[in-house]
Protein backbone atom coordinates (compact mmCIF):
# COMPACT_ATOMS: atom_id res chain seq x y z
CA MET A 1 23.35 28.57 52.85
CA THR A 2 27.07 29.08 53.35
CA GLU A 3 28.74 32.47 52.92
CA GLU A 4 30.64 31.05 49.94
CA GLU A 5 27.39 29.97 48.24
CA ARG A 6 25.74 33.31 48.96
CA LYS A 7 28.57 35.22 47.29
CA LYS A 8 28.81 32.75 44.43
CA TYR A 9 25.10 33.08 43.67
CA GLY A 10 25.13 36.88 44.00
CA ILE A 11 22.66 36.94 46.90
CA ARG A 12 22.78 39.87 49.32
CA PRO A 13 22.66 39.03 53.06
CA GLU A 14 19.21 40.65 53.39
CA GLU A 15 17.90 38.43 50.57
CA VAL A 16 18.75 35.13 52.29
CA PRO A 17 15.41 35.05 54.22
CA LEU A 18 13.59 35.59 50.90
CA ILE A 19 14.83 32.42 49.20
CA PHE A 20 14.55 28.67 49.48
CA THR A 21 18.26 28.04 49.94
CA ASP A 22 18.40 24.47 48.61
CA GLU A 23 16.58 24.77 45.27
CA ALA A 24 19.13 26.31 42.88
CA THR A 25 18.89 24.35 39.61
CA VAL A 26 22.55 23.43 39.45
CA PRO A 27 23.29 19.87 38.22
CA ALA A 28 23.64 18.58 41.79
CA HIS A 29 20.04 19.63 42.42
CA GLY A 30 18.84 17.54 39.47
CA SER A 31 20.25 14.30 40.85
CA ARG A 32 19.82 14.80 44.59
CA ASN A 33 16.86 12.41 44.97
CA MET A 34 18.30 9.70 42.72
CA ASN A 35 19.92 6.46 43.84
CA LEU A 36 23.60 5.86 43.07
CA ARG A 37 22.88 4.36 39.67
CA GLY A 38 20.65 7.30 38.75
CA LYS A 39 23.25 9.80 39.92
CA LEU A 40 25.95 8.19 37.79
CA SER A 41 23.66 8.15 34.74
CA PHE A 42 22.70 11.77 35.29
CA LYS A 43 26.36 12.75 35.66
CA ARG A 44 27.24 11.00 32.37
CA LYS A 45 24.36 12.71 30.54
CA THR A 46 25.33 16.09 31.94
CA ALA A 47 28.97 15.60 30.96
CA LYS A 48 27.89 14.54 27.46
CA ALA A 49 25.68 17.63 27.14
CA ARG A 50 28.49 19.94 28.27
CA ALA A 51 30.84 18.33 25.74
CA LYS A 52 28.21 18.97 23.05
CA LEU A 53 27.92 22.60 24.14
CA ASP A 54 31.70 23.06 24.12
CA ALA A 55 31.90 21.55 20.65
CA PHE A 56 29.10 23.76 19.34
CA TYR A 57 30.67 26.87 20.82
CA ALA A 58 34.14 26.16 19.43
CA ALA A 59 32.70 25.34 16.00
CA ALA A 60 30.53 28.49 15.97
CA LEU A 61 33.49 30.71 16.82
CA LYS A 62 35.62 29.02 14.17
CA ALA A 63 32.93 29.21 11.47
CA GLY A 64 31.79 32.68 12.48
CA ALA A 65 28.19 31.55 12.05
CA CYS A 66 25.67 29.16 13.59
CA TYR A 67 22.02 28.14 13.79
CA TYR A 68 20.21 28.69 17.09
CA GLY A 69 16.67 27.87 18.20
CA PRO A 70 13.82 27.36 18.27
CA PHE A 71 12.84 29.53 21.21
CA VAL A 72 9.11 29.24 21.94
CA GLY A 73 9.13 29.55 25.71
CA GLU A 74 8.53 31.88 28.61
CA PHE A 75 9.59 35.51 28.56
CA GLY A 76 11.90 35.06 31.55
CA HIS A 77 13.75 32.24 29.82
CA PHE A 78 14.21 34.42 26.77
CA LEU A 79 15.66 37.29 28.82
CA LEU A 80 17.78 35.17 31.18
CA HIS A 81 19.11 32.31 29.08
CA ASN A 82 18.68 33.05 25.40
CA LEU A 83 19.00 36.76 24.65
CA PRO A 84 22.25 37.23 26.64
CA PHE A 85 23.81 34.21 24.93
CA ILE A 86 22.82 35.50 21.48
CA MET A 87 24.24 38.90 22.47
CA HIS A 88 27.45 37.14 23.50
CA LEU A 89 27.70 35.29 20.18
CA HIS A 90 27.10 38.57 18.33
CA ARG A 91 29.83 40.27 20.35
CA GLN A 92 32.17 37.41 19.39
CA GLY A 93 31.45 38.10 15.72
CA VAL A 94 29.24 35.03 15.18
CA LYS A 95 26.44 35.42 12.64
CA VAL A 96 23.34 33.83 14.15
CA HIS A 97 20.66 32.13 12.03
CA TYR A 98 17.77 32.27 14.46
CA CYS A 99 14.40 30.62 14.95
CA GLY A 100 12.11 32.21 17.51
CA MET A 101 8.98 34.24 18.12
CA GLU A 102 8.68 37.44 16.12
CA ILE A 103 7.33 39.32 19.16
CA HIS A 104 10.88 39.15 20.59
CA LYS A 105 12.43 40.82 17.54
CA PRO A 106 12.71 44.27 19.24
CA PHE A 107 15.08 42.76 21.82
CA LEU A 108 17.44 41.26 19.25
CA LYS A 109 19.49 44.43 18.77
CA ASP A 110 22.81 45.79 19.93
CA CYS A 111 23.18 49.14 21.69
CA ASN A 112 23.24 50.90 18.31
CA GLY A 113 20.01 49.27 17.12
CA ALA A 114 21.69 46.84 14.70
CA SER A 115 20.23 43.34 14.44
CA LEU A 116 21.89 40.52 16.37
CA THR A 117 20.76 37.95 13.83
CA THR A 118 21.73 37.41 10.20
CA ASP A 119 18.86 35.26 9.07
CA GLU A 120 15.59 34.56 10.89
CA THR A 121 12.73 32.10 10.90
CA TRP A 122 10.09 34.13 12.71
CA LEU A 123 7.31 32.27 14.49
CA ARG A 124 3.90 33.84 15.06
CA ASP A 125 2.55 34.81 18.47
CA PHE A 126 0.50 31.83 19.68
CA PHE A 127 0.23 32.67 23.39
CA ALA A 128 -3.52 33.19 23.08
CA GLU A 129 -3.72 29.48 22.16
CA VAL A 130 -0.93 27.83 24.16
CA LYS A 131 0.45 28.83 27.56
CA PRO A 132 4.27 29.15 27.47
CA ALA A 133 6.33 26.73 29.57
CA SER A 134 10.07 27.35 30.09
CA ASN A 135 11.68 26.31 26.78
CA ALA A 136 9.44 23.26 26.41
CA THR A 137 6.25 24.82 25.04
CA VAL A 138 4.46 22.64 22.48
CA PRO A 139 3.27 25.16 19.88
CA PRO A 140 0.38 24.76 17.41
CA LEU A 141 0.88 22.49 14.40
CA ASP A 142 1.57 25.25 11.87
CA VAL A 143 4.33 26.64 14.11
CA ARG A 144 5.83 23.17 14.52
CA GLU A 145 5.97 22.90 10.75
CA GLU A 146 7.95 26.16 10.58
CA ILE A 147 10.36 24.78 13.17
CA HIS A 148 10.77 21.56 11.20
CA ALA A 149 11.68 23.60 8.12
CA PHE A 150 14.27 25.54 10.16
CA ARG A 151 15.87 22.33 11.42
CA LYS A 152 15.97 20.93 7.92
CA LYS A 153 17.65 24.08 6.63
CA ALA A 154 20.21 23.92 9.45
CA ALA A 155 21.02 20.30 8.63
CA GLU A 156 21.43 21.07 4.91
CA ASP A 157 23.59 24.14 5.56
CA GLY A 158 26.07 22.23 7.71
CA LEU A 159 26.83 25.10 10.12
CA PRO A 160 26.99 24.42 13.87
CA TYR A 161 23.46 24.15 15.28
CA LEU A 162 22.30 24.38 18.89
CA ASP A 163 18.80 22.99 19.28
CA ILE A 164 17.58 24.44 22.59
CA ALA A 165 14.33 22.47 22.43
CA ASP A 166 16.37 19.58 23.87
CA THR A 167 15.30 19.98 27.50
CA ALA A 168 17.93 17.55 28.80
CA LEU A 169 20.57 19.79 27.23
CA TYR A 170 18.89 23.08 28.10
CA TRP A 171 17.70 22.85 31.70
CA TYR A 172 20.79 21.97 33.74
CA PRO A 173 23.79 21.98 31.36
CA PHE A 174 23.11 24.92 29.00
CA ARG A 175 21.74 27.42 31.50
CA ASN A 176 24.63 26.88 33.95
CA TRP A 177 27.31 26.59 31.23
CA GLN A 178 26.43 30.09 30.06
CA LEU A 179 27.36 31.56 33.43
CA GLU A 180 30.99 30.71 32.71
CA GLY A 181 31.58 33.89 30.71
CA ARG A 182 29.20 33.17 27.85
CA GLN A 183 26.64 35.93 28.32
CA HIS A 184 26.62 39.60 27.42
CA VAL A 185 24.06 42.39 27.73
CA TYR A 186 23.74 45.24 25.27
CA SER A 187 21.92 48.16 26.85
CA LEU A 188 18.79 48.93 24.82
CA LYS A 189 18.14 52.20 26.62
CA SER A 190 19.82 54.27 23.92
CA VAL A 191 17.79 52.43 21.26
CA TYR A 192 14.35 52.93 22.83
CA ALA A 193 14.46 55.85 25.27
CA SER A 194 12.49 58.84 23.98
CA GLY A 195 14.05 61.39 26.30
CA GLN A 196 10.63 62.47 27.53
CA SER A 197 10.45 64.65 30.63
CA GLY A 198 8.67 63.63 33.81
CA ARG A 199 8.91 60.62 36.11
CA SER A 200 7.19 57.38 35.10
CA CYS A 201 7.01 53.80 36.25
CA VAL A 202 5.88 50.65 34.44
CA ILE A 203 3.73 47.95 36.05
CA PHE A 204 3.30 44.49 34.54
CA PRO A 205 -0.17 43.31 35.65
CA ARG A 206 0.47 39.62 35.16
CA LYS A 207 -2.62 37.41 35.11
CA LYS A 208 -1.65 34.54 37.41
CA GLY A 209 -5.08 33.33 38.47
CA GLY A 210 -6.79 33.65 41.83
CA ASP A 211 -4.75 31.19 43.85
CA TYR A 212 -1.67 31.73 45.98
CA THR A 213 1.49 30.09 44.63
CA PRO A 214 4.92 29.92 46.30
CA ASN A 215 6.47 31.36 43.12
CA ASN A 216 4.16 34.34 42.65
CA GLY A 217 2.30 34.88 45.91
CA GLY A 218 -1.35 35.83 45.91
CA PRO A 219 -3.19 37.89 43.28
CA TRP A 220 -3.02 41.68 43.18
CA ASP A 221 -5.62 44.28 42.33
CA TYR A 222 -3.35 46.05 39.86
CA MET A 223 -5.43 49.20 39.78
CA GLU A 224 -4.81 49.47 43.54
CA VAL A 225 -1.10 48.89 42.94
CA ALA A 226 -1.08 51.61 40.26
CA ARG A 227 -2.92 54.04 42.56
CA ALA A 228 -0.45 53.28 45.37
CA LEU A 229 2.48 54.21 43.12
CA ALA A 230 0.85 57.16 41.33
CA PRO A 231 1.70 59.84 43.94
CA GLY A 232 5.41 59.31 43.32
CA PHE A 233 5.26 59.59 39.52
CA ASP A 234 3.92 61.79 36.75
CA GLU A 235 2.70 58.71 34.86
CA VAL A 236 2.07 55.07 35.72
CA VAL A 237 2.11 52.76 32.68
CA LEU A 238 0.47 49.31 32.68
CA ALA A 239 2.26 47.14 30.12
CA GLY A 240 2.55 43.51 29.05
CA HIS A 241 1.29 40.88 26.65
CA PRO A 242 -2.52 40.91 26.15
CA SER A 243 -2.85 37.16 26.70
CA LEU A 244 -0.88 37.26 29.94
CA SER A 245 -2.22 40.46 31.51
CA ALA A 246 -5.03 41.20 33.95
CA GLU A 247 -7.87 43.58 33.10
CA VAL A 248 -6.95 47.20 33.82
CA HIS A 249 -8.08 50.62 32.63
CA ASP A 250 -6.93 54.24 32.21
CA GLU A 251 -7.42 56.49 35.21
CA GLU A 252 -5.93 59.95 35.86
CA LYS A 253 -2.13 59.37 35.81
CA ILE A 254 -2.58 55.68 34.94
CA ARG A 255 -2.17 54.72 31.27
CA VAL A 256 -2.81 51.25 29.82
CA ARG A 257 -0.31 50.22 27.16
CA ILE A 258 -0.97 46.48 27.07
CA SER A 259 0.42 45.29 23.76
CA ALA A 260 2.13 42.36 22.02
CA ASP A 261 4.45 44.98 20.50
CA ASN A 262 7.58 44.65 22.61
CA ALA A 263 9.07 47.76 21.01
CA GLU A 264 6.34 49.75 22.78
CA THR A 265 7.05 47.92 26.04
CA LEU A 266 10.78 48.59 25.70
CA ARG A 267 10.14 52.29 25.07
CA ALA A 268 8.04 52.51 28.22
CA CYS A 269 10.70 50.72 30.30
CA ALA A 270 13.58 52.72 28.83
CA ASP A 271 11.78 55.96 29.78
CA ALA A 272 10.78 54.72 33.24
CA GLU A 273 12.49 55.21 36.57
CA LEU A 274 11.00 52.00 37.95
CA ILE A 275 9.62 48.65 36.76
CA VAL A 276 7.11 46.89 39.04
CA THR A 277 6.26 43.23 38.56
CA GLN A 278 5.46 39.97 40.26
CA HIS A 279 8.15 37.29 40.30
CA SER A 280 7.99 36.80 36.53
CA GLY A 281 10.03 37.34 33.40
CA ALA A 282 9.55 41.10 33.48
CA VAL A 283 11.90 41.19 36.50
CA HIS A 284 14.77 40.94 34.00
CA LEU A 285 13.66 43.72 31.68
CA GLY A 286 15.40 46.33 33.79
CA ALA A 287 18.77 44.79 32.98
CA TYR A 288 18.31 45.73 29.32
CA THR A 289 16.90 49.23 29.86
CA GLU A 290 18.97 50.22 32.93
CA THR A 291 15.78 50.53 35.01
CA PRO A 292 15.48 49.59 38.73
CA VAL A 293 12.94 46.85 39.51
CA LEU A 294 10.50 46.45 42.40
CA LEU A 295 9.44 42.81 42.83
CA ILE A 296 6.00 42.61 44.46
CA PHE A 297 4.96 39.40 46.22
CA ASN A 298 1.53 39.33 47.86
CA GLY A 299 2.32 37.16 50.87
CA ASN A 300 5.18 36.15 53.12
CA PRO A 301 8.57 34.97 51.89
CA PRO A 302 10.44 32.82 51.02
CA ILE A 303 9.75 32.98 47.29
CA LYS A 304 10.11 29.77 45.33
CA GLY A 305 12.53 30.08 42.40
CA LEU A 306 13.98 33.39 43.56
CA ILE A 307 17.39 31.85 44.13
CA ASP A 308 17.63 31.06 40.41
CA THR A 309 16.31 34.50 39.48
CA LEU A 310 19.10 36.06 41.54
CA ARG A 311 21.97 33.81 40.55
CA PHE A 312 21.26 34.09 36.83
CA ARG A 313 20.37 37.78 37.04
CA LYS A 314 23.75 38.72 38.53
CA ASN A 315 25.29 38.02 35.11
CA LEU A 316 23.03 40.68 33.57
CA THR A 317 23.19 43.63 35.97
CA ASP A 318 24.70 44.86 39.22
CA THR A 319 21.54 46.76 40.15
CA PRO A 320 19.81 44.91 43.01
CA LEU A 321 16.10 44.17 43.16
CA SER A 322 13.81 45.93 45.61
CA TYR A 323 10.92 44.06 47.27
CA ALA A 324 7.43 44.75 48.58
CA PHE A 325 5.18 42.15 50.24
CA SER A 326 1.95 44.11 50.72
CA LEU A 327 0.08 47.12 49.38
CA ASP A 328 1.27 49.13 52.39
CA GLU A 329 4.88 48.32 51.55
CA ILE A 330 4.27 49.41 47.96
CA LYS A 331 2.84 52.70 49.24
CA ASN A 332 5.84 53.16 51.54
CA PHE A 333 8.19 52.45 48.64
CA ALA A 334 6.38 55.01 46.49
CA SER A 335 6.64 57.60 49.27
CA ALA A 336 10.38 56.97 49.59
CA GLU A 337 10.77 57.25 45.80
CA GLN A 338 8.94 60.55 45.84
CA MET A 339 11.37 61.93 48.42
CA GLN A 340 14.43 61.12 46.26
């Protein structure tokens, strides 16, 4: 990785050994293994998608309203590529007619608690039935019918409509196009912080299975992680979606607040002095609640996908991530936190 690329992607010098340097999902990455004909076709499709995005954006600003959705994907994609764009549109005075999962409603607010959306088609929580996948999740039939109705309404209304279920549009063009000044973050700390006294941290005990993966590392015993952090805090909160969380239990300072209610999760994060999570969507929560994040990876770096996490995250916050690669490192981090 060149020094120019490192600065462009917002990667600190000490983070370079933690990343796979050649896997950033910029358009050039998408065509690198294609022959000349494939590269030219990919370039044309990407240019066409960007032209479509430019046209949508100009029309939305002119009309002062648009349709956007459906979002039925992974939490990280919501926080990195969808919520900040909707916040940007709201800041530009665009009224957003939105289709997405109702569990994300608590995030769709400005720093005063006002809604970012004008009209909504809320989709039920189906993660107990279907595992989310980027923006390309195939939801249950009844949810697909709701989405069809939303698309029909958008077509009849005639307002600009960005259908983010189009993966060819979303994956390379849309996500990178946003980085060109089309994202904004409203702090939700003032909306959800309770002002409670005492030091707390929030752990997301993601259920990733028993195997090691280059994206997430090996599995953790999250009760051990909570116990390792407990000496540095008055309370350790275990939070997350029930369908995506490991089994945990209350114990002394440790409190389980696993819930599909993201308002409760946001309150816990807004009150916390630290968020602890694997390399997953929860890494980005701190950007919205002004909370530092410790990324825990059970194994040795590099971490697959981290380069994208960092280069997209730099648009959301200037606060760097901290890292721990073993239970001992988590304990050492907790000891250092306690001394602050």
